Amino acid sequence: IMVIDENEARLRVRYPLNCEKRRNYKFDIAAVGCDGSYSNTVPVHITVTDVNEFAPVFSQAAYVKAVDEGRVYDEILRVEAVDRDCTPRYGDVCKYEILTDRSQPFTIDNEGVIRNTEALDYEKSHNHILSVVAYDCGMMQSAPVMVTIKVNKPCRAGWKGVAERVDYAPGSGPLALFPAARLDTCQSDERCPGVTRIQAAVSLQASRAGSGCDRDTYSLHSQRTICGLDPKTIDLLPSPGVGNEWAKSLKPDSGRDGEQMFEFDGETTAAIVPESVLPHGLASTFSISTWMRHAPPPDNDKHRKEHVLCLADDHKMNRHHYALFVRNCRLILLLRRDFGEGDLNIFRPAEWRWKLPEVCDNEWHHYAVNVRFPNVELFVDGEPYRAPDAKGPEVIDDWPLHPAHGVN
């Protein structure tokens, strides 16, 4: 205390006060007379005013948290900062902020809780690195702290090491298709409940017309040329164009490999093949081959005939001379002899009926009927057809067609 005169004294501090060390001081003051007597005492209360001299400091040097992809969390983690200032005005943390790119799918609230705004994707980013700062209530900013959020790779059991393409040279013998294949069951992942069932199957996809795989180099037409197709072979479904005017009414559709396909509904679409293209009389030895995809009729009519090929009288009697057709999920070949090809009173094979599941499975199959009359053989997808009961087709005998006047 410094005395100014007999009526005034001033109270001064001996050293700088520190609110963070001591905020309040309390003591009594008394005046002392020249004779050494004391006056009554006066209490003095001193409160040290705080100034914003400290910035918030995070409780950890860095934060790391792992989360699962595909989830939106209410709370991924909570960061915390403290301020050494002595009063709530400057000593409390009032705000947290993410300084990183705003496009990051994360938010932070005033309590320091970080959450994601959308599901995270391991394939897009394995890690998200955020820079977070804190503000005291005087808006003094802290130094940034790094927050790393790791996205866990999803637990997906499956086959690894299976080649997408296997090259095989015809006639080179057995070839291991997947020698490096392994089954990854995520056993090291605590989130995976474990393997309850393992099933493996290898199948050949041959659902397209004219091809069994998507590695074919040549089109169906080119394959016929390269493989030396008999030049006498007649294409009854050529691409519509010059010289094939009779096929213009057809509306072909292109498959995945560019091959043309034709759809017939049995009512509005048909191809009338001129006799100049296909002679009406067939020899005793010939073949009929076609790709066909067929499903049962919607009304399941077992008596409906769906013809692939048919030669019939042009009017009046409508007798079928030869035909390849489907009825009741059976592939049927009809081959009637004309009146000049044998004794009219002798029965000979005239109809061959094959009951096979391929006809009505609504998948593409290749059918080839080889005729060396009276022997007939059917090939399905390149293999000779053998019925499960080892029996041949049902064969129906008939006599030759009788002559009819005025009928072509």
Protein backbone atom coordinates (compact mmCIF):
# COMPACT_ATOMS: atom_id res chain seq x y z
CA ILE A 1 0.00 0.00 0.00
CA MET A 2 1.41 3.30 -1.00
CA VAL A 3 0.40 6.30 1.14
CA ILE A 4 -0.25 9.43 -0.87
CA ASP A 5 -1.07 11.78 2.06
CA GLU A 6 -2.82 11.60 5.39
CA ASN A 7 -6.15 11.26 3.69
CA GLU A 8 -5.34 8.92 0.77
CA ALA A 9 -3.60 5.61 0.15
CA ARG A 10 -3.37 3.46 -2.96
CA LEU A 11 -3.41 -0.33 -3.19
CA ARG A 12 -1.02 -1.73 -5.81
CA VAL A 13 -0.04 -5.27 -6.83
CA ARG A 14 3.49 -6.44 -6.16
CA TYR A 15 3.54 -8.83 -9.17
CA PRO A 16 1.20 -9.66 -12.10
CA LEU A 17 -1.90 -11.57 -11.11
CA ASN A 18 -2.85 -14.82 -12.84
CA CYS A 19 -6.51 -15.75 -13.03
CA GLU A 20 -5.64 -19.33 -13.88
CA LYS A 21 -3.66 -19.65 -10.60
CA ARG A 22 -5.90 -17.59 -8.32
CA ARG A 23 -9.00 -15.74 -9.29
CA ASN A 24 -10.11 -14.14 -5.97
CA TYR A 25 -8.29 -12.36 -3.15
CA LYS A 26 -9.79 -11.29 0.21
CA PHE A 27 -8.11 -9.30 3.04
CA ASP A 28 -8.74 -6.47 5.53
CA ILE A 29 -7.21 -2.98 5.57
CA ALA A 30 -6.74 -0.77 8.67
CA ALA A 31 -5.25 2.72 9.02
CA VAL A 32 -2.40 3.20 11.53
CA GLY A 33 -2.07 6.51 13.34
CA CYS A 34 1.23 8.27 14.07
CA ASP A 35 0.87 7.20 17.67
CA GLY A 36 0.62 3.59 16.53
CA SER A 37 -3.08 3.22 17.06
CA TYR A 38 -5.24 1.22 14.58
CA SER A 39 -8.48 2.23 13.01
CA ASN A 40 -11.34 -0.13 12.38
CA THR A 41 -10.76 -2.62 9.53
CA VAL A 42 -12.30 -2.57 6.05
CA PRO A 43 -12.68 -5.82 4.08
CA VAL A 44 -11.32 -5.85 0.51
CA HIS A 45 -12.42 -8.34 -2.20
CA ILE A 46 -10.44 -8.52 -5.46
CA THR A 47 -11.51 -10.58 -8.48
CA VAL A 48 -8.99 -11.09 -11.25
CA THR A 49 -10.60 -10.49 -14.67
CA ASP A 50 -9.94 -13.22 -17.23
CA VAL A 51 -8.45 -12.53 -20.66
CA ASN A 52 -8.53 -14.94 -23.60
CA GLU A 53 -4.88 -15.91 -23.61
CA PHE A 54 -5.13 -19.67 -24.20
CA ALA A 55 -6.44 -21.56 -27.23
CA PRO A 56 -8.24 -24.89 -26.82
CA VAL A 57 -6.06 -28.02 -26.87
CA PHE A 58 -7.28 -31.48 -27.88
CA SER A 59 -6.96 -34.27 -25.35
CA GLN A 60 -5.33 -36.56 -27.96
CA ALA A 61 -2.64 -35.85 -30.53
CA ALA A 62 -4.65 -37.73 -33.20
CA TYR A 63 -7.79 -39.81 -33.50
CA VAL A 64 -8.28 -43.07 -35.42
CA LYS A 65 -11.53 -45.00 -35.81
CA ALA A 66 -12.56 -47.98 -37.99
CA VAL A 67 -16.12 -48.30 -39.30
CA ASP A 68 -18.03 -50.75 -41.50
CA GLU A 69 -19.03 -49.76 -45.00
CA GLY A 70 -22.69 -49.42 -45.89
CA ARG A 71 -23.80 -47.97 -42.52
CA VAL A 72 -24.79 -44.49 -41.31
CA TYR A 73 -23.65 -43.97 -37.71
CA ASP A 74 -25.21 -41.70 -35.10
CA GLU A 75 -21.72 -41.39 -33.61
CA ILE A 76 -18.46 -42.52 -35.18
CA LEU A 77 -16.26 -40.98 -32.48
CA ARG A 78 -16.13 -38.01 -30.12
CA VAL A 79 -13.23 -35.55 -30.01
CA GLU A 80 -12.59 -33.40 -26.95
CA ALA A 81 -10.63 -30.19 -26.40
CA VAL A 82 -10.01 -28.21 -23.18
CA ASP A 83 -9.09 -24.56 -22.58
CA ARG A 84 -6.90 -23.33 -19.70
CA ASP A 85 -8.61 -19.95 -19.38
CA CYS A 86 -10.24 -19.56 -15.99
CA THR A 87 -13.75 -18.40 -16.85
CA PRO A 88 -16.50 -20.02 -18.94
CA ARG A 89 -16.36 -17.06 -21.32
CA TYR A 90 -12.93 -18.05 -22.52
CA GLY A 91 -12.34 -21.38 -20.82
CA ASP A 92 -15.23 -23.37 -22.29
CA VAL A 93 -15.17 -24.93 -25.78
CA CYS A 94 -18.25 -23.76 -27.68
CA LYS A 95 -17.70 -25.07 -31.18
CA TYR A 96 -15.96 -27.74 -33.27
CA GLU A 97 -15.40 -27.54 -37.01
CA ILE A 98 -14.15 -29.82 -39.80
CA LEU A 99 -11.74 -27.86 -41.99
CA THR A 100 -11.43 -30.54 -44.65
CA ASP A 101 -13.16 -30.43 -48.04
CA ARG A 102 -16.89 -29.89 -47.60
CA SER A 103 -17.55 -32.76 -49.99
CA GLN A 104 -16.50 -35.20 -47.28
CA PRO A 105 -19.61 -37.01 -45.99
CA PHE A 106 -19.06 -36.09 -42.33
CA THR A 107 -20.40 -33.56 -39.83
CA ILE A 108 -19.40 -32.58 -36.29
CA ASP A 109 -21.63 -30.99 -33.66
CA ASN A 110 -20.79 -28.61 -30.81
CA GLU A 111 -20.19 -31.58 -28.52
CA GLY A 112 -17.43 -32.94 -30.76
CA VAL A 113 -19.46 -35.89 -32.07
CA ILE A 114 -18.48 -36.88 -35.62
CA ARG A 115 -21.01 -38.76 -37.72
CA ASN A 116 -21.29 -39.69 -41.40
CA THR A 117 -24.04 -38.24 -43.58
CA GLU A 118 -24.08 -41.15 -46.04
CA ALA A 119 -23.00 -44.77 -46.14
CA LEU A 120 -19.27 -45.20 -46.77
CA ASP A 121 -17.91 -47.31 -49.62
CA TYR A 122 -14.65 -49.24 -49.28
CA GLU A 123 -14.17 -49.30 -53.05
CA LYS A 124 -14.38 -45.49 -53.27
CA SER A 125 -12.06 -44.76 -50.36
CA HIS A 126 -10.33 -46.98 -47.80
CA ASN A 127 -9.59 -44.01 -45.49
CA HIS A 128 -11.04 -40.58 -44.79
CA ILE A 129 -8.68 -38.03 -43.19
CA LEU A 130 -10.29 -35.04 -41.48
CA SER A 131 -8.76 -31.89 -39.99
CA VAL A 132 -10.75 -30.73 -36.95
CA VAL A 133 -10.40 -27.55 -34.87
CA ALA A 134 -12.06 -26.35 -31.67
CA TYR A 135 -13.15 -22.83 -30.66
CA ASP A 136 -13.55 -21.44 -27.16
CA CYS A 137 -16.46 -19.13 -26.46
CA GLY A 138 -14.28 -16.17 -27.35
CA MET A 139 -13.83 -17.78 -30.79
CA MET A 140 -10.11 -18.43 -30.35
CA GLN A 141 -9.22 -21.34 -32.62
CA SER A 142 -7.16 -24.34 -31.61
CA ALA A 143 -4.46 -26.02 -33.64
CA PRO A 144 -5.98 -28.65 -35.94
CA VAL A 145 -6.03 -32.30 -34.97
CA MET A 146 -6.01 -35.16 -37.50
CA VAL A 147 -8.92 -37.60 -37.45
CA THR A 148 -8.54 -40.77 -39.55
CA ILE A 149 -11.63 -42.84 -40.30
CA LYS A 150 -10.85 -46.25 -41.79
CA VAL A 151 -13.48 -48.12 -43.79
CA ASN A 152 -13.47 -51.86 -43.18
CA LYS A 153 -13.38 -54.07 -46.24
CA PRO A 154 -16.71 -55.92 -46.38
CA CYS A 155 -16.83 -59.57 -45.44
CA ARG A 156 -17.74 -61.31 -48.68
CA ALA A 157 -17.04 -64.99 -48.90
CA GLY A 158 -16.36 -66.15 -52.41
CA TRP A 159 -14.06 -67.78 -54.90
CA LYS A 160 -10.71 -66.20 -55.71
CA GLY A 161 -8.20 -67.05 -58.41
CA VAL A 162 -10.77 -68.14 -60.99
CA ALA A 163 -9.65 -67.06 -64.44
CA GLU A 164 -12.17 -65.20 -66.59
CA ARG A 165 -10.79 -66.82 -69.72
CA VAL A 166 -9.28 -70.24 -70.34
CA ASP A 167 -7.68 -70.99 -73.71
CA TYR A 168 -7.81 -74.60 -74.82
CA ALA A 169 -6.34 -76.15 -77.94
CA PRO A 170 -8.59 -78.88 -79.36
CA GLY A 171 -7.15 -82.34 -78.91
CA SER A 172 -4.58 -81.25 -76.31
CA GLY A 173 -5.98 -83.52 -73.62
CA PRO A 174 -7.19 -82.77 -70.09
CA LEU A 175 -6.76 -79.21 -68.82
CA ALA A 176 -7.19 -78.02 -65.25
CA LEU A 177 -9.60 -75.12 -65.57
CA PHE A 178 -9.02 -73.43 -62.21
CA PRO A 179 -5.74 -74.67 -60.67
CA ALA A 180 -5.31 -71.53 -58.54
CA ALA A 181 -8.89 -71.34 -57.27
CA ARG A 182 -9.41 -70.87 -53.56
CA LEU A 183 -12.43 -70.19 -51.39
CA ASP A 184 -12.11 -67.08 -49.22
CA THR A 185 -14.42 -67.49 -46.22
CA CYS A 186 -13.39 -64.35 -44.26
CA GLN A 187 -12.56 -66.51 -41.25
CA SER A 188 -10.21 -63.84 -39.88
CA ASP A 189 -13.02 -61.28 -39.86
CA GLU A 190 -14.83 -61.26 -36.54
CA ARG A 191 -17.89 -59.79 -38.24
CA CYS A 192 -18.31 -62.92 -40.35
CA PRO A 193 -20.43 -65.55 -38.56
CA GLY A 194 -18.58 -68.41 -40.23
CA VAL A 195 -19.21 -70.76 -43.11
CA THR A 196 -22.42 -72.71 -42.83
CA ARG A 197 -22.53 -74.18 -46.34
CA ILE A 198 -20.24 -74.47 -49.35
CA GLN A 199 -21.55 -75.17 -52.82
CA ALA A 200 -19.73 -75.06 -56.14
CA ALA A 201 -20.98 -75.66 -59.65
CA VAL A 202 -19.49 -75.19 -63.09
CA SER A 203 -21.87 -74.91 -66.01
CA LEU A 204 -21.53 -74.13 -69.70
CA GLN A 205 -23.70 -71.27 -70.85
CA ALA A 206 -25.01 -72.11 -74.30
CA SER A 207 -28.22 -70.16 -74.47
CA ARG A 208 -27.52 -68.43 -77.77
CA ALA A 209 -28.32 -69.61 -81.24
CA GLY A 210 -25.36 -70.78 -83.27
CA SER A 211 -22.76 -70.55 -80.54
CA GLY A 212 -21.84 -72.12 -77.23
CA CYS A 213 -19.58 -69.38 -75.89
CA ASP A 214 -18.70 -65.74 -76.43
CA ARG A 215 -15.17 -66.54 -77.61
CA ASP A 216 -16.19 -67.66 -81.09
CA THR A 217 -14.07 -65.88 -83.68
CA TYR A 218 -16.26 -66.62 -86.69
CA SER A 219 -19.93 -66.08 -87.38
CA LEU A 220 -22.20 -69.02 -88.11
CA HIS A 221 -21.99 -68.31 -91.85
CA SER A 222 -18.17 -68.19 -91.70
CA GLN A 223 -18.04 -71.45 -89.75
CA ARG A 224 -20.05 -73.16 -92.48
CA THR A 225 -17.58 -71.95 -95.11
CA ILE A 226 -14.44 -72.82 -93.13
CA CYS A 227 -15.68 -76.27 -92.12
CA GLY A 228 -16.43 -77.25 -95.72
CA LEU A 229 -20.20 -77.38 -95.65
CA ASP A 230 -21.66 -79.40 -98.51
CA PRO A 231 -22.24 -76.93 -101.38
CA LYS A 232 -25.61 -78.56 -102.02
CA THR A 233 -26.86 -77.32 -98.65
CA ILE A 234 -29.82 -74.94 -98.97
CA ASP A 235 -30.39 -72.15 -96.45
CA LEU A 236 -34.14 -71.85 -95.96
CA LEU A 237 -33.85 -68.75 -93.73
CA PRO A 238 -31.40 -66.44 -95.49
CA SER A 239 -31.02 -62.77 -94.71
CA PRO A 240 -33.75 -60.84 -96.57
CA GLY A 241 -32.33 -59.12 -99.63
CA VAL A 242 -31.73 -59.33 -103.36
CA GLY A 243 -32.37 -62.84 -104.59
CA ASN A 244 -34.21 -63.69 -101.39
CA GLU A 245 -37.35 -61.66 -101.97
CA TRP A 246 -39.50 -64.43 -100.53
CA ALA A 247 -37.85 -63.82 -97.12
CA LYS A 248 -38.65 -60.08 -97.02
CA SER A 249 -41.78 -60.64 -94.96
CA LEU A 250 -39.64 -61.98 -92.11
CA LYS A 251 -38.35 -59.67 -89.42
CA PRO A 252 -34.98 -60.94 -88.22
CA ASP A 253 -33.54 -60.00 -84.85
CA SER A 254 -29.83 -59.90 -84.10
CA GLY A 255 -28.48 -61.81 -81.13
CA ARG A 256 -25.58 -60.79 -78.94
CA ASP A 257 -23.04 -62.15 -81.44
CA GLY A 258 -24.71 -60.59 -84.49
CA GLU A 259 -26.32 -63.80 -85.77
CA GLN A 260 -29.82 -63.37 -87.19
CA MET A 261 -32.76 -65.02 -85.48
CA PHE A 262 -36.34 -65.35 -86.71
CA GLU A 263 -39.46 -65.62 -84.55
CA PHE A 264 -42.55 -67.43 -85.78
CA ASP A 265 -45.92 -67.25 -84.04
CA GLY A 266 -47.69 -69.78 -86.26
CA GLU A 267 -50.28 -67.25 -87.42
CA THR A 268 -48.77 -64.11 -88.95
CA THR A 269 -45.24 -65.12 -89.95
CA ALA A 270 -44.10 -67.75 -92.41
CA ALA A 271 -41.58 -68.18 -95.21
CA ILE A 272 -42.94 -69.58 -98.48
CA VAL A 273 -39.87 -71.12 -100.10
CA PRO A 274 -40.01 -71.10 -103.94
CA GLU A 275 -39.57 -74.42 -105.72
CA SER A 276 -36.57 -72.88 -107.50
CA VAL A 277 -34.81 -72.76 -104.13
CA LEU A 278 -35.91 -76.11 -102.72
CA PRO A 279 -37.17 -78.86 -105.06
CA HIS A 280 -40.34 -80.48 -103.82
CA GLY A 281 -38.97 -83.96 -104.17
CA LEU A 282 -36.37 -85.12 -101.64
CA ALA A 283 -33.94 -87.95 -102.28
CA SER A 284 -33.78 -90.98 -100.02
CA THR A 285 -30.70 -89.51 -98.33
CA PHE A 286 -30.75 -85.97 -96.90
CA SER A 287 -30.34 -83.98 -93.70
CA ILE A 288 -32.39 -81.26 -92.04
CA SER A 289 -30.66 -79.11 -89.42
CA THR A 290 -31.79 -76.05 -87.50
CA TRP A 291 -31.27 -74.02 -84.36
CA MET A 292 -34.55 -73.76 -82.47
CA ARG A 293 -35.82 -72.32 -79.23
CA HIS A 294 -39.30 -73.48 -78.30
CA ALA A 295 -41.61 -73.28 -75.30
CA PRO A 296 -44.96 -74.99 -74.69
CA PRO A 297 -47.98 -73.04 -75.99
CA PRO A 298 -49.66 -70.85 -73.36
CA ASP A 299 -52.88 -72.88 -73.48
CA ASN A 300 -50.96 -76.21 -73.29
CA ASP A 301 -52.80 -77.50 -76.35
CA LYS A 302 -51.34 -80.99 -76.83
CA HIS A 303 -52.73 -81.33 -80.34
CA ARG A 304 -51.33 -78.16 -81.87
CA LYS A 305 -48.77 -78.68 -84.63
CA GLU A 306 -45.97 -76.14 -84.92
CA HIS A 307 -44.14 -76.68 -88.18
CA VAL A 308 -40.48 -75.97 -88.74
CA LEU A 309 -40.68 -77.21 -92.33
CA CYS A 310 -43.64 -78.44 -94.35
CA LEU A 311 -44.39 -79.43 -97.95
CA ALA A 312 -48.13 -79.75 -98.58
CA ASP A 313 -50.63 -79.80 -101.44
CA ASP A 314 -51.19 -76.33 -102.78
CA HIS A 315 -54.99 -76.54 -102.41
CA LYS A 316 -57.95 -78.87 -101.96
CA MET A 317 -56.61 -81.83 -99.98
CA ASN A 318 -53.77 -80.16 -98.05
CA ARG A 319 -51.90 -83.44 -97.69
CA HIS A 320 -48.49 -83.11 -96.05
CA HIS A 321 -45.76 -84.80 -98.10
CA TYR A 322 -42.94 -84.20 -95.63
CA ALA A 323 -42.63 -82.07 -92.54
CA LEU A 324 -40.61 -81.42 -89.40
CA PHE A 325 -42.84 -80.16 -86.62
CA VAL A 326 -43.42 -80.04 -82.86
CA ARG A 327 -46.51 -81.40 -81.15
CA ASN A 328 -46.99 -82.08 -77.44
CA CYS A 329 -43.27 -81.44 -76.78
CA ARG A 330 -42.28 -84.05 -79.33
CA LEU A 331 -40.12 -83.45 -82.38
CA ILE A 332 -41.73 -85.27 -85.30
CA LEU A 333 -40.45 -86.00 -88.79
CA LEU A 334 -43.09 -86.83 -91.41
CA LEU A 335 -41.93 -88.45 -94.63
CA ARG A 336 -44.68 -89.75 -96.94
CA ARG A 337 -43.76 -91.58 -100.13
CA ASP A 338 -45.43 -90.50 -103.36
CA PHE A 339 -47.58 -92.98 -105.29
CA GLY A 340 -44.77 -93.72 -107.76
CA GLU A 341 -42.23 -94.68 -105.07
CA GLY A 342 -43.61 -98.08 -104.11
CA ASP A 343 -46.53 -100.43 -103.84
CA LEU A 344 -49.59 -98.49 -102.70
CA ASN A 345 -50.64 -101.34 -100.42
CA ILE A 346 -47.35 -101.80 -98.54
CA PHE A 347 -46.82 -99.95 -95.27
CA ARG A 348 -43.45 -98.31 -94.76
CA PRO A 349 -42.12 -96.01 -92.03
CA ALA A 350 -43.67 -92.56 -92.47
CA GLU A 351 -43.43 -90.75 -89.13
CA TRP A 352 -40.72 -90.65 -86.45
CA ARG A 353 -41.54 -89.18 -83.03
CA TRP A 354 -38.90 -88.19 -80.45
CA LYS A 355 -39.96 -87.16 -76.96
CA LEU A 356 -37.12 -85.10 -75.52
CA PRO A 357 -37.03 -82.34 -72.87
CA GLU A 358 -35.00 -79.95 -75.03
CA VAL A 359 -37.98 -79.30 -77.30
CA CYS A 360 -39.91 -77.42 -74.61
CA ASP A 361 -37.24 -76.00 -72.27
CA ASN A 362 -37.28 -72.56 -73.95
CA GLU A 363 -33.53 -72.72 -74.62
CA TRP A 364 -31.57 -72.73 -77.86
CA HIS A 365 -30.65 -76.20 -79.18
CA HIS A 366 -29.30 -77.49 -82.45
CA TYR A 367 -31.23 -80.31 -84.11
CA ALA A 368 -30.04 -82.37 -87.06
CA VAL A 369 -32.10 -85.16 -88.66
CA ASN A 370 -30.12 -87.47 -90.93
CA VAL A 371 -32.20 -89.62 -93.27
CA ARG A 372 -31.06 -92.70 -95.12
CA PHE A 373 -34.49 -94.09 -95.74
CA PRO A 374 -35.79 -96.09 -93.98
CA ASN A 375 -33.21 -95.26 -91.30
CA VAL A 376 -33.45 -91.92 -89.50
CA GLU A 377 -31.08 -90.55 -86.83
CA LEU A 378 -31.47 -87.46 -84.66
CA PHE A 379 -28.60 -85.36 -83.29
CA VAL A 380 -29.23 -82.83 -80.53
CA ASP A 381 -26.52 -80.25 -79.84
CA GLY A 382 -24.08 -82.35 -81.83
CA GLU A 383 -24.70 -85.58 -79.92
CA PRO A 384 -26.70 -88.60 -81.15
CA TYR A 385 -29.96 -88.62 -79.25
CA ARG A 386 -30.50 -91.61 -77.00
CA ALA A 387 -33.70 -91.89 -74.99
CA PRO A 388 -33.28 -92.57 -71.25
CA ASP A 389 -34.94 -95.96 -71.69
CA ALA A 390 -32.53 -96.72 -74.58
CA LYS A 391 -35.48 -97.06 -76.93
CA GLY A 392 -35.54 -95.46 -80.35
CA PRO A 393 -38.18 -93.05 -81.57
CA GLU A 394 -41.78 -94.06 -81.98
CA VAL A 395 -42.18 -94.99 -85.66
CA ILE A 396 -45.56 -94.88 -87.43
CA ASP A 397 -46.01 -96.80 -90.69
CA ASP A 398 -48.21 -95.62 -93.54
CA TRP A 399 -48.78 -96.31 -97.21
CA PRO A 400 -47.71 -94.04 -100.05
CA LEU A 401 -49.86 -91.07 -101.01
CA HIS A 402 -52.45 -91.92 -103.67
CA PRO A 403 -52.53 -89.87 -106.87
CA ALA A 404 -54.84 -86.86 -106.86
CA HIS A 405 -55.97 -85.04 -109.98
CA GLY A 406 -55.46 -81.31 -110.24
CA VAL A 407 -53.27 -81.10 -107.15
CA ASN A 408 -49.65 -79.90 -107.20
